Amino acid sequence: MQRFEQNAPELEQALQLIEKAAGSPALNAVFGRGLLEITKRYTQTFLWLQRYDVGLLEEPKRQKGGILPRLEDAEKGYFLIISCSRARFVGSTVWRSE
């Protein structure tokens, strides 16, 4: 709880900055979505850190992994995807920039 009290002023500053930005006359839809995304990520990170500090984070559930392909097979698959993509998008600006 002590750590939360130490971090509370930082959170309050962040909220004031968000409020100031949201009230800007230059706010448009793109800027608003960006501000929302930053706020969401900042809040999630803040909450994770608070949970860590007080010992409330749970160990993630583990899953048994699959089998990795051999390097040669992975490279073949990669180059197949690239060649199919290039064939599909011939003449597009994506491939012209190479």
PDB file of N, CA and C in Angstrom:
ATOM      1  N   MET A   1       0.817  -1.189   0.000  1.00  0.00           N
ATOM      2  CA  MET A   1       0.000   0.000   0.000  1.00  0.00           C
ATOM      3  C   MET A   1       0.865   1.259   0.000  1.00  0.00           C
ATOM      4  N   GLN A   2       2.011   1.168   0.649  1.00  0.00           N
ATOM      5  CA  GLN A   2       2.916   2.318   0.691  1.00  0.00           C
ATOM      6  C   GLN A   2       3.390   2.685  -0.709  1.00  0.00           C
ATOM      7  N   ARG A   3       3.687   1.671  -1.507  1.00  0.00           N
ATOM      8  CA  ARG A   3       4.134   1.912  -2.875  1.00  0.00           C
ATOM      9  C   ARG A   3       3.032   2.588  -3.688  1.00  0.00           C
ATOM     10  N   PHE A   4       1.785   2.171  -3.472  1.00  0.00           N
ATOM     11  CA  PHE A   4       0.675   2.799  -4.178  1.00  0.00           C
ATOM     12  C   PHE A   4       0.600   4.275  -3.822  1.00  0.00           C
ATOM     13  N   GLU A   5       0.750   4.591  -2.544  1.00  0.00           N
ATOM     14  CA  GLU A   5       0.704   5.992  -2.113  1.00  0.00           C
ATOM     15  C   GLU A   5       1.843   6.792  -2.752  1.00  0.00           C
ATOM     16  N   GLN A   6       2.989   6.159  -2.962  1.00  0.00           N
ATOM     17  CA  GLN A   6       4.115   6.836  -3.611  1.00  0.00           C
ATOM     18  C   GLN A   6       3.827   7.062  -5.102  1.00  0.00           C
ATOM     19  N   ASN A   7       3.116   6.126  -5.709  1.00  0.00           N
ATOM     20  CA  ASN A   7       2.837   6.207  -7.144  1.00  0.00           C
ATOM     21  C   ASN A   7       1.586   7.021  -7.462  1.00  0.00           C
ATOM     22  N   ALA A   8       0.758   7.285  -6.475  1.00  0.00           N
ATOM     23  CA  ALA A   8      -0.497   7.998  -6.704  1.00  0.00           C
ATOM     24  C   ALA A   8      -0.281   9.375  -7.332  1.00  0.00           C
ATOM     25  N   PRO A   9       0.701  10.175  -6.884  1.00  0.00           N
ATOM     26  CA  PRO A   9       0.899  11.479  -7.539  1.00  0.00           C
ATOM     27  C   PRO A   9       1.249  11.351  -9.027  1.00  0.00           C
ATOM     28  N   GLU A  10       2.012  10.334  -9.382  1.00  0.00           N
ATOM     29  CA  GLU A  10       2.345  10.126 -10.806  1.00  0.00           C
ATOM     30  C   GLU A  10       1.087   9.804 -11.599  1.00  0.00           C
ATOM     31  N   LEU A  11       0.231   8.985 -11.035  1.00  0.00           N
ATOM     32  CA  LEU A  11      -1.027   8.650 -11.705  1.00  0.00           C
ATOM     33  C   LEU A  11      -1.901   9.895 -11.847  1.00  0.00           C
ATOM     34  N   GLU A  12      -1.952  10.699 -10.813  1.00  0.00           N
ATOM     35  CA  GLU A  12      -2.739  11.930 -10.876  1.00  0.00           C
ATOM     36  C   GLU A  12      -2.196  12.875 -11.948  1.00  0.00           C
ATOM     37  N   GLN A  13      -0.885  12.975 -12.071  1.00  0.00           N
ATOM     38  CA  GLN A  13      -0.277  13.813 -13.114  1.00  0.00           C
ATOM     39  C   GLN A  13      -0.649  13.295 -14.501  1.00  0.00           C
ATOM     40  N   ALA A  14      -0.591  11.977 -14.665  1.00  0.00           N
ATOM     41  CA  ALA A  14      -0.934  11.391 -15.962  1.00  0.00           C
ATOM     42  C   ALA A  14      -2.393  11.681 -16.304  1.00  0.00           C
ATOM     43  N   LEU A  15      -3.273  11.571 -15.326  1.00  0.00           N
ATOM     44  CA  LEU A  15      -4.691  11.844 -15.571  1.00  0.00           C
ATOM     45  C   LEU A  15      -4.927  13.315 -15.911  1.00  0.00           C
ATOM     46  N   GLN A  16      -4.191  14.214 -15.272  1.00  0.00           N
ATOM     47  CA  GLN A  16      -4.308  15.639 -15.592  1.00  0.00           C
ATOM     48  C   GLN A  16      -3.835  15.916 -17.017  1.00  0.00           C
ATOM     49  N   LEU A  17      -2.755  15.258 -17.415  1.00  0.00           N
ATOM     50  CA  LEU A  17      -2.242  15.421 -18.777  1.00  0.00           C
ATOM     51  C   LEU A  17      -3.259  14.903 -19.798  1.00  0.00           C
ATOM     52  N   ILE A  18      -3.876  13.789 -19.503  1.00  0.00           N
ATOM     53  CA  ILE A  18      -4.891  13.217 -20.397  1.00  0.00           C
ATOM     54  C   ILE A  18      -6.089  14.160 -20.495  1.00  0.00           C
ATOM     55  N   GLU A  19      -6.509  14.679 -19.363  1.00  0.00           N
ATOM     56  CA  GLU A  19      -7.640  15.611 -19.352  1.00  0.00           C
ATOM     57  C   GLU A  19      -7.329  16.863 -20.168  1.00  0.00           C
ATOM     58  N   LYS A  20      -6.108  17.379 -20.022  1.00  0.00           N
ATOM     59  CA  LYS A  20      -5.700  18.565 -20.779  1.00  0.00           C
ATOM     60  C   LYS A  20      -5.692  18.269 -22.284  1.00  0.00           C
ATOM     61  N   ALA A  21      -5.130  17.104 -22.658  1.00  0.00           N
ATOM     62  CA  ALA A  21      -5.065  16.728 -24.074  1.00  0.00           C
ATOM     63  C   ALA A  21      -6.461  16.516 -24.645  1.00  0.00           C
ATOM     64  N   ALA A  22      -7.336  15.902 -23.864  1.00  0.00           N
ATOM     65  CA  ALA A  22      -8.698  15.642 -24.345  1.00  0.00           C
ATOM     66  C   ALA A  22      -9.474  16.933 -24.561  1.00  0.00           C
ATOM     67  N   GLY A  23      -9.121  17.994 -23.848  1.00  0.00           N
ATOM     68  CA  GLY A  23      -9.805  19.264 -24.007  1.00  0.00           C
ATOM     69  C   GLY A  23      -9.227  20.144 -25.094  1.00  0.00           C
ATOM     70  N   SER A  24      -8.211  19.647 -25.779  1.00  0.00           N
ATOM     71  CA  SER A  24      -7.556  20.429 -26.820  1.00  0.00           C
ATOM     72  C   SER A  24      -8.479  20.643 -28.017  1.00  0.00           C
ATOM     73  N   PRO A  25      -8.477  21.870 -28.583  1.00  0.00           N
ATOM     74  CA  PRO A  25      -9.295  22.111 -29.776  1.00  0.00           C
ATOM     75  C   PRO A  25      -8.761  21.356 -31.006  1.00  0.00           C
ATOM     76  N   ALA A  26      -7.527  20.913 -30.937  1.00  0.00           N
ATOM     77  CA  ALA A  26      -6.945  20.179 -32.060  1.00  0.00           C
ATOM     78  C   ALA A  26      -7.331  18.694 -32.034  1.00  0.00           C
ATOM     79  N   LEU A  27      -8.106  18.288 -31.035  1.00  0.00           N
ATOM     80  CA  LEU A  27      -8.488  16.880 -30.900  1.00  0.00           C
ATOM     81  C   LEU A  27      -9.364  16.455 -32.074  1.00  0.00           C
ATOM     82  N   ASN A  28      -8.928  15.421 -32.773  1.00  0.00           N
ATOM     83  CA  ASN A  28      -9.729  14.835 -33.842  1.00  0.00           C
ATOM     84  C   ASN A  28      -9.866  13.339 -33.567  1.00  0.00           C
ATOM     85  N   ALA A  29     -10.523  12.615 -34.439  1.00  0.00           N
ATOM     86  CA  ALA A  29     -10.787  11.192 -34.198  1.00  0.00           C
ATOM     87  C   ALA A  29      -9.510  10.381 -34.075  1.00  0.00           C
ATOM     88  N   VAL A  30      -8.539  10.641 -34.930  1.00  0.00           N
ATOM     89  CA  VAL A  30      -7.284   9.876 -34.898  1.00  0.00           C
ATOM     90  C   VAL A  30      -6.537  10.164 -33.604  1.00  0.00           C
ATOM     91  N   PHE A  31      -6.432  11.437 -33.260  1.00  0.00           N
ATOM     92  CA  PHE A  31      -5.768  11.830 -32.026  1.00  0.00           C
ATOM     93  C   PHE A  31      -6.491  11.240 -30.822  1.00  0.00           C
ATOM     94  N   GLY A  32      -7.805  11.264 -30.848  1.00  0.00           N
ATOM     95  CA  GLY A  32      -8.606  10.724 -29.749  1.00  0.00           C
ATOM     96  C   GLY A  32      -8.398   9.235 -29.568  1.00  0.00           C
ATOM     97  N   ARG A  33      -8.353   8.488 -30.684  1.00  0.00           N
ATOM     98  CA  ARG A  33      -8.110   7.041 -30.591  1.00  0.00           C
ATOM     99  C   ARG A  33      -6.710   6.771 -30.051  1.00  0.00           C
ATOM    100  N   GLY A  34      -5.731   7.574 -30.473  1.00  0.00           N
ATOM    101  CA  GLY A  34      -4.372   7.410 -29.972  1.00  0.00           C
ATOM    102  C   GLY A  34      -4.287   7.699 -28.491  1.00  0.00           C
ATOM    103  N   LEU A  35      -4.944   8.761 -28.062  1.00  0.00           N
ATOM    104  CA  LEU A  35      -4.968   9.114 -26.645  1.00  0.00           C
ATOM    105  C   LEU A  35      -5.630   8.011 -25.829  1.00  0.00           C
ATOM    106  N   LEU A  36      -6.707   7.464 -26.345  1.00  0.00           N
ATOM    107  CA  LEU A  36      -7.390   6.365 -25.660  1.00  0.00           C
ATOM    108  C   LEU A  36      -6.487   5.133 -25.554  1.00  0.00           C
ATOM    109  N   GLU A  37      -5.786   4.802 -26.621  1.00  0.00           N
ATOM    110  CA  GLU A  37      -4.897   3.638 -26.609  1.00  0.00           C
ATOM    111  C   GLU A  37      -3.755   3.830 -25.605  1.00  0.00           C
ATOM    112  N   ILE A  38      -3.163   5.005 -25.590  1.00  0.00           N
ATOM    113  CA  ILE A  38      -2.080   5.285 -24.639  1.00  0.00           C
ATOM    114  C   ILE A  38      -2.610   5.196 -23.210  1.00  0.00           C
ATOM    115  N   THR A  39      -3.768   5.765 -22.971  1.00  0.00           N
ATOM    116  CA  THR A  39      -4.372   5.728 -21.637  1.00  0.00           C
ATOM    117  C   THR A  39      -4.640   4.295 -21.208  1.00  0.00           C
ATOM    118  N   LYS A  40      -5.195   3.508 -22.111  1.00  0.00           N
ATOM    119  CA  LYS A  40      -5.506   2.112 -21.806  1.00  0.00           C
ATOM    120  C   LYS A  40      -4.242   1.332 -21.447  1.00  0.00           C
ATOM    121  N   ARG A  41      -3.202   1.498 -22.243  1.00  0.00           N
ATOM    122  CA  ARG A  41      -1.961   0.759 -21.982  1.00  0.00           C
ATOM    123  C   ARG A  41      -1.268   1.235 -20.714  1.00  0.00           C
ATOM    124  N   TYR A  42      -1.268   2.539 -20.497  1.00  0.00           N
ATOM    125  CA  TYR A  42      -0.654   3.078 -19.282  1.00  0.00           C
ATOM    126  C   TYR A  42      -1.380   2.541 -18.050  1.00  0.00           C
ATOM    127  N   THR A  43      -2.710   2.556 -18.092  1.00  0.00           N
ATOM    128  CA  THR A  43      -3.504   2.076 -16.961  1.00  0.00           C
ATOM    129  C   THR A  43      -3.255   0.596 -16.711  1.00  0.00           C
ATOM    130  N   GLN A  44      -3.227  -0.194 -17.771  1.00  0.00           N
ATOM    131  CA  GLN A  44      -2.989  -1.637 -17.614  1.00  0.00           C
ATOM    132  C   GLN A  44      -1.613  -1.888 -17.003  1.00  0.00           C
ATOM    133  N   THR A  45      -0.611  -1.171 -17.467  1.00  0.00           N
ATOM    134  CA  THR A  45       0.740  -1.327 -16.922  1.00  0.00           C
ATOM    135  C   THR A  45       0.776  -0.912 -15.461  1.00  0.00           C
ATOM    136  N   PHE A  46       0.140   0.205 -15.139  1.00  0.00           N
ATOM    137  CA  PHE A  46       0.098   0.676 -13.759  1.00  0.00           C
ATOM    138  C   PHE A  46      -0.541  -0.375 -12.852  1.00  0.00           C
ATOM    139  N   LEU A  47      -1.656  -0.959 -13.311  1.00  0.00           N
ATOM    140  CA  LEU A  47      -2.334  -1.976 -12.502  1.00  0.00           C
ATOM    141  C   LEU A  47      -1.493  -3.235 -12.340  1.00  0.00           C
ATOM    142  N   TRP A  48      -0.812  -3.655 -13.409  1.00  0.00           N
ATOM    143  CA  TRP A  48       0.066  -4.822 -13.290  1.00  0.00           C
ATOM    144  C   TRP A  48       1.172  -4.572 -12.272  1.00  0.00           C
ATOM    145  N   LEU A  49       1.763  -3.398 -12.327  1.00  0.00           N
ATOM    146  CA  LEU A  49       2.834  -3.074 -11.385  1.00  0.00           C
ATOM    147  C   LEU A  49       2.312  -3.026  -9.956  1.00  0.00           C
ATOM    148  N   GLN A  50       1.125  -2.485  -9.763  1.00  0.00           N
ATOM    149  CA  GLN A  50       0.552  -2.454  -8.416  1.00  0.00           C
ATOM    150  C   GLN A  50       0.270  -3.874  -7.924  1.00  0.00           C
ATOM    151  N   ARG A  51      -0.265  -4.717  -8.784  1.00  0.00           N
ATOM    152  CA  ARG A  51      -0.520  -6.112  -8.390  1.00  0.00           C
ATOM    153  C   ARG A  51       0.780  -6.829  -8.058  1.00  0.00           C
ATOM    154  N   TYR A  52       1.819  -6.556  -8.834  1.00  0.00           N
ATOM    155  CA  TYR A  52       3.130  -7.154  -8.564  1.00  0.00           C
ATOM    156  C   TYR A  52       3.637  -6.709  -7.192  1.00  0.00           C
ATOM    157  N   ASP A  53       3.527  -5.402  -6.925  1.00  0.00           N
ATOM    158  CA  ASP A  53       4.029  -4.852  -5.666  1.00  0.00           C
ATOM    159  C   ASP A  53       3.365  -5.468  -4.441  1.00  0.00           C
ATOM    160  N   VAL A  54       2.089  -5.775  -4.545  1.00  0.00           N
ATOM    161  CA  VAL A  54       1.390  -6.333  -3.385  1.00  0.00           C
ATOM    162  C   VAL A  54       1.263  -7.857  -3.458  1.00  0.00           C
ATOM    163  N   GLY A  55       1.902  -8.471  -4.436  1.00  0.00           N
ATOM    164  CA  GLY A  55       1.935  -9.930  -4.523  1.00  0.00           C
ATOM    165  C   GLY A  55       0.663 -10.564  -5.050  1.00  0.00           C
ATOM    166  N   LEU A  56      -0.096  -9.843  -5.851  1.00  0.00           N
ATOM    167  CA  LEU A  56      -1.358 -10.376  -6.367  1.00  0.00           C
ATOM    168  C   LEU A  56      -1.264 -10.937  -7.783  1.00  0.00           C
ATOM    169  N   LEU A  57      -0.108 -10.827  -8.413  1.00  0.00           N
ATOM    170  CA  LEU A  57       0.002 -11.383  -9.770  1.00  0.00           C
ATOM    171  C   LEU A  57       0.044 -12.901  -9.691  1.00  0.00           C
ATOM    172  N   GLU A  58      -0.727 -13.514 -10.540  1.00  0.00           N
ATOM    173  CA  GLU A  58      -0.750 -14.972 -10.590  1.00  0.00           C
ATOM    174  C   GLU A  58       0.197 -15.462 -11.668  1.00  0.00           C
ATOM    175  N   GLU A  59       0.737 -16.629 -11.462  1.00  0.00           N
ATOM    176  CA  GLU A  59       1.597 -17.250 -12.459  1.00  0.00           C
ATOM    177  C   GLU A  59       0.732 -17.597 -13.668  1.00  0.00           C
ATOM    178  N   PRO A  60       1.183 -17.235 -14.882  1.00  0.00           N
ATOM    179  CA  PRO A  60       0.370 -17.575 -16.061  1.00  0.00           C
ATOM    180  C   PRO A  60       0.255 -19.088 -16.230  1.00  0.00           C
ATOM    181  N   LYS A  61      -0.883 -19.496 -16.768  1.00  0.00           N
ATOM    182  CA  LYS A  61      -1.076 -20.925 -17.036  1.00  0.00           C
ATOM    183  C   LYS A  61      -0.117 -21.345 -18.135  1.00  0.00           C
ATOM    184  N   ARG A  62       0.435 -22.499 -17.983  1.00  0.00           N
ATOM    185  CA  ARG A  62       1.409 -22.991 -18.964  1.00  0.00           C
ATOM    186  C   ARG A  62       0.738 -23.943 -19.938  1.00  0.00           C
ATOM    187  N   GLN A  63       1.235 -23.902 -21.151  1.00  0.00           N
ATOM    188  CA  GLN A  63       0.744 -24.814 -22.171  1.00  0.00           C
ATOM    189  C   GLN A  63       1.930 -25.587 -22.725  1.00  0.00           C
ATOM    190  N   LYS A  64       1.680 -26.821 -22.994  1.00  0.00           N
ATOM    191  CA  LYS A  64       2.714 -27.629 -23.601  1.00  0.00           C
ATOM    192  C   LYS A  64       2.901 -27.153 -25.042  1.00  0.00           C
ATOM    193  N   GLY A  65       4.127 -26.927 -25.418  1.00  0.00           N
ATOM    194  CA  GLY A  65       4.416 -26.405 -26.750  1.00  0.00           C
ATOM    195  C   GLY A  65       4.310 -27.466 -27.828  1.00  0.00           C
ATOM    196  N   GLY A  66       4.335 -27.003 -29.060  1.00  0.00           N
ATOM    197  CA  GLY A  66       4.284 -27.910 -30.204  1.00  0.00           C
ATOM    198  C   GLY A  66       5.683 -28.300 -30.633  1.00  0.00           C
ATOM    199  N   ILE A  67       5.782 -28.798 -31.817  1.00  0.00           N
ATOM    200  CA  ILE A  67       7.075 -29.222 -32.354  1.00  0.00           C
ATOM    201  C   ILE A  67       7.526 -28.184 -33.376  1.00  0.00           C
ATOM    202  N   LEU A  68       8.714 -27.669 -33.197  1.00  0.00           N
ATOM    203  CA  LEU A  68       9.254 -26.686 -34.134  1.00  0.00           C
ATOM    204  C   LEU A  68       9.745 -27.389 -35.395  1.00  0.00           C
ATOM    205  N   PRO A  69       9.554 -26.754 -36.545  1.00  0.00           N
ATOM    206  CA  PRO A  69      10.063 -27.359 -37.786  1.00  0.00           C
ATOM    207  C   PRO A  69      11.587 -27.242 -37.842  1.00  0.00           C
ATOM    208  N   ARG A  70      12.185 -28.068 -38.677  1.00  0.00           N
ATOM    209  CA  ARG A  70      13.632 -27.935 -38.897  1.00  0.00           C
ATOM    210  C   ARG A  70      13.874 -26.595 -39.576  1.00  0.00           C
ATOM    211  N   LEU A  71      15.077 -26.063 -39.444  1.00  0.00           N
ATOM    212  CA  LEU A  71      15.417 -24.777 -40.024  1.00  0.00           C
ATOM    213  C   LEU A  71      15.175 -24.780 -41.537  1.00  0.00           C
ATOM    214  N   GLU A  72      15.557 -25.841 -42.214  1.00  0.00           N
ATOM    215  CA  GLU A  72      15.390 -25.913 -43.664  1.00  0.00           C
ATOM    216  C   GLU A  72      13.915 -25.842 -44.059  1.00  0.00           C
ATOM    217  N   ASP A  73      13.063 -26.538 -43.307  1.00  0.00           N
ATOM    218  CA  ASP A  73      11.623 -26.535 -43.603  1.00  0.00           C
ATOM    219  C   ASP A  73      11.021 -25.152 -43.342  1.00  0.00           C
ATOM    220  N   ALA A  74      11.451 -24.504 -42.269  1.00  0.00           N
ATOM    221  CA  ALA A  74      10.950 -23.164 -41.952  1.00  0.00           C
ATOM    222  C   ALA A  74      11.363 -22.170 -43.036  1.00  0.00           C
ATOM    223  N   GLU A  75      12.600 -22.261 -43.502  1.00  0.00           N
ATOM    224  CA  GLU A  75      13.078 -21.360 -44.560  1.00  0.00           C
ATOM    225  C   GLU A  75      12.303 -21.577 -45.854  1.00  0.00           C
ATOM    226  N   LYS A  76      12.042 -22.828 -46.206  1.00  0.00           N
ATOM    227  CA  LYS A  76      11.273 -23.122 -47.412  1.00  0.00           C
ATOM    228  C   LYS A  76       9.873 -22.520 -47.312  1.00  0.00           C
ATOM    229  N   GLY A  77       9.230 -22.683 -46.172  1.00  0.00           N
ATOM    230  CA  GLY A  77       7.904 -22.126 -45.967  1.00  0.00           C
ATOM    231  C   GLY A  77       7.905 -20.605 -46.042  1.00  0.00           C
ATOM    232  N   TYR A  78       8.927 -19.998 -45.453  1.00  0.00           N
ATOM    233  CA  TYR A  78       9.055 -18.539 -45.475  1.00  0.00           C
ATOM    234  C   TYR A  78       9.189 -18.041 -46.912  1.00  0.00           C
ATOM    235  N   PHE A  79      10.098 -18.649 -47.678  1.00  0.00           N
ATOM    236  CA  PHE A  79      10.318 -18.202 -49.047  1.00  0.00           C
ATOM    237  C   PHE A  79       9.110 -18.486 -49.939  1.00  0.00           C
ATOM    238  N   LEU A  80       8.363 -19.520 -49.645  1.00  0.00           N
ATOM    239  CA  LEU A  80       7.130 -19.800 -50.386  1.00  0.00           C
ATOM    240  C   LEU A  80       6.100 -18.697 -50.131  1.00  0.00           C
ATOM    241  N   ILE A  81       5.964 -18.302 -48.874  1.00  0.00           N
ATOM    242  CA  ILE A  81       5.024 -17.216 -48.539  1.00  0.00           C
ATOM    243  C   ILE A  81       5.438 -15.932 -49.231  1.00  0.00           C
ATOM    244  N   ILE A  82       6.720 -15.602 -49.192  1.00  0.00           N
ATOM    245  CA  ILE A  82       7.212 -14.372 -49.821  1.00  0.00           C
ATOM    246  C   ILE A  82       6.966 -14.408 -51.330  1.00  0.00           C
ATOM    247  N   SER A  83       7.289 -15.527 -51.976  1.00  0.00           N
ATOM    248  CA  SER A  83       7.117 -15.586 -53.432  1.00  0.00           C
ATOM    249  C   SER A  83       5.633 -15.517 -53.811  1.00  0.00           C
ATOM    250  N   CYS A  84       4.762 -16.143 -53.038  1.00  0.00           N
ATOM    251  CA  CYS A  84       3.320 -16.060 -53.320  1.00  0.00           C
ATOM    252  C   CYS A  84       2.813 -14.643 -53.107  1.00  0.00           C
ATOM    253  N   SER A  85       3.296 -13.988 -52.070  1.00  0.00           N
ATOM    254  CA  SER A  85       2.881 -12.607 -51.796  1.00  0.00           C
ATOM    255  C   SER A  85       3.337 -11.687 -52.911  1.00  0.00           C
ATOM    256  N   ARG A  86       4.557 -11.858 -53.363  1.00  0.00           N
ATOM    257  CA  ARG A  86       5.067 -11.008 -54.441  1.00  0.00           C
ATOM    258  C   ARG A  86       4.284 -11.230 -55.725  1.00  0.00           C
ATOM    259  N   ALA A  87       3.965 -12.481 -56.017  1.00  0.00           N
ATOM    260  CA  ALA A  87       3.204 -12.771 -57.230  1.00  0.00           C
ATOM    261  C   ALA A  87       1.817 -12.146 -57.150  1.00  0.00           C
ATOM    262  N   ARG A  88       1.261 -12.140 -55.974  1.00  0.00           N
ATOM    263  CA  ARG A  88      -0.086 -11.605 -55.801  1.00  0.00           C
ATOM    264  C   ARG A  88      -0.108 -10.080 -55.879  1.00  0.00           C
ATOM    265  N   PHE A  89       0.945  -9.448 -55.407  1.00  0.00           N
ATOM    266  CA  PHE A  89       0.971  -7.991 -55.327  1.00  0.00           C
ATOM    267  C   PHE A  89       1.957  -7.368 -56.316  1.00  0.00           C
ATOM    268  N   VAL A  90       2.154  -7.982 -57.445  1.00  0.00           N
ATOM    269  CA  VAL A  90       3.076  -7.434 -58.443  1.00  0.00           C
ATOM    270  C   VAL A  90       2.604  -6.039 -58.845  1.00  0.00           C
ATOM    271  N   GLY A  91       3.557  -5.128 -58.839  1.00  0.00           N
ATOM    272  CA  GLY A  91       3.241  -3.768 -59.247  1.00  0.00           C
ATOM    273  C   GLY A  91       2.732  -2.880 -58.134  1.00  0.00           C
ATOM    274  N   SER A  92       2.515  -3.438 -56.963  1.00  0.00           N
ATOM    275  CA  SER A  92       2.031  -2.583 -55.878  1.00  0.00           C
ATOM    276  C   SER A  92       3.194  -1.804 -55.278  1.00  0.00           C
ATOM    277  N   THR A  93       2.876  -0.771 -54.555  1.00  0.00           N
ATOM    278  CA  THR A  93       3.918   0.072 -53.959  1.00  0.00           C
ATOM    279  C   THR A  93       4.688  -0.683 -52.879  1.00  0.00           C
ATOM    280  N   VAL A  94       4.087  -1.722 -52.314  1.00  0.00           N
ATOM    281  CA  VAL A  94       4.775  -2.482 -51.276  1.00  0.00           C
ATOM    282  C   VAL A  94       6.057  -3.096 -51.850  1.00  0.00           C
ATOM    283  N   TRP A  95       5.967  -3.699 -53.015  1.00  0.00           N
ATOM    284  CA  TRP A  95       7.132  -4.397 -53.560  1.00  0.00           C
ATOM    285  C   TRP A  95       8.010  -3.479 -54.413  1.00  0.00           C
ATOM    286  N   ARG A  96       7.477  -2.377 -54.879  1.00  0.00           N
ATOM    287  CA  ARG A  96       8.295  -1.465 -55.679  1.00  0.00           C
ATOM    288  C   ARG A  96       9.365  -0.789 -54.845  1.00  0.00           C
ATOM    289  N   SER A  97       9.161  -0.707 -53.559  1.00  0.00           N
ATOM    290  CA  SER A  97      10.118   0.000 -52.716  1.00  0.00           C
ATOM    291  C   SER A  97      11.355  -0.822 -52.387  1.00  0.00           C
ATOM    292  N   GLU A  98      11.403  -2.076 -52.773  1.00  0.00           N
ATOM    293  CA  GLU A  98      12.565  -2.919 -52.471  1.00  0.00           C
ATOM    294  C   GLU A  98      13.774  -2.561 -53.288  1.00  0.00           C
TER     295      GLU A  98
END
